[in-house]
């Protein structure tokens, strides 16, 4: 059988390299997403601590009001409560920003997965094409072999007839 090379072999190599690169990208995007989620969890925990602190200080202020504490102490507590509220707003903003980062990372991962799927389809198509090409080449080779065998058979037949006539 003739050992002809598959004409699209270079294309197959290129597509496989792109597919492998795409796999690496998906892994990297997954790691990035997980890192962003971890950061989000930490930021949410900090926000929740500040919220709990705010609630505690609010309860403390209410208790002071109920006890009839001095007004200067109550003003200090109200002022501190405002500072805690601002801190809580700051942490809320950080949480929202981190949620956006997580969302972007999820979108990047989805895009990378779609790209990976498309590249996998390209590789599979080329594999199927190569199998059909090899099958066709075997058929063509078999036809050539058959033609050669027919010619050999014809030559033998002609030689035998000549020998019988002598």
Foldseek 3Di string as FASTA:
>chain_A
DDPDDDPCVVVLVVLVVVLVVLVVQLVVLVVQLVVLVVVLVVLVVVLVVLVVVLVVLVVVLVVCVVVVHDPVVSVVSVVVSVVSVVVSVVSVVVNVVSVVVSVVSVVSSVVSVVVSVVSVVVSVVVVVVVVVVVVVVVVVVVVVVVVVVVVVVVVVVVVVVVVVVD
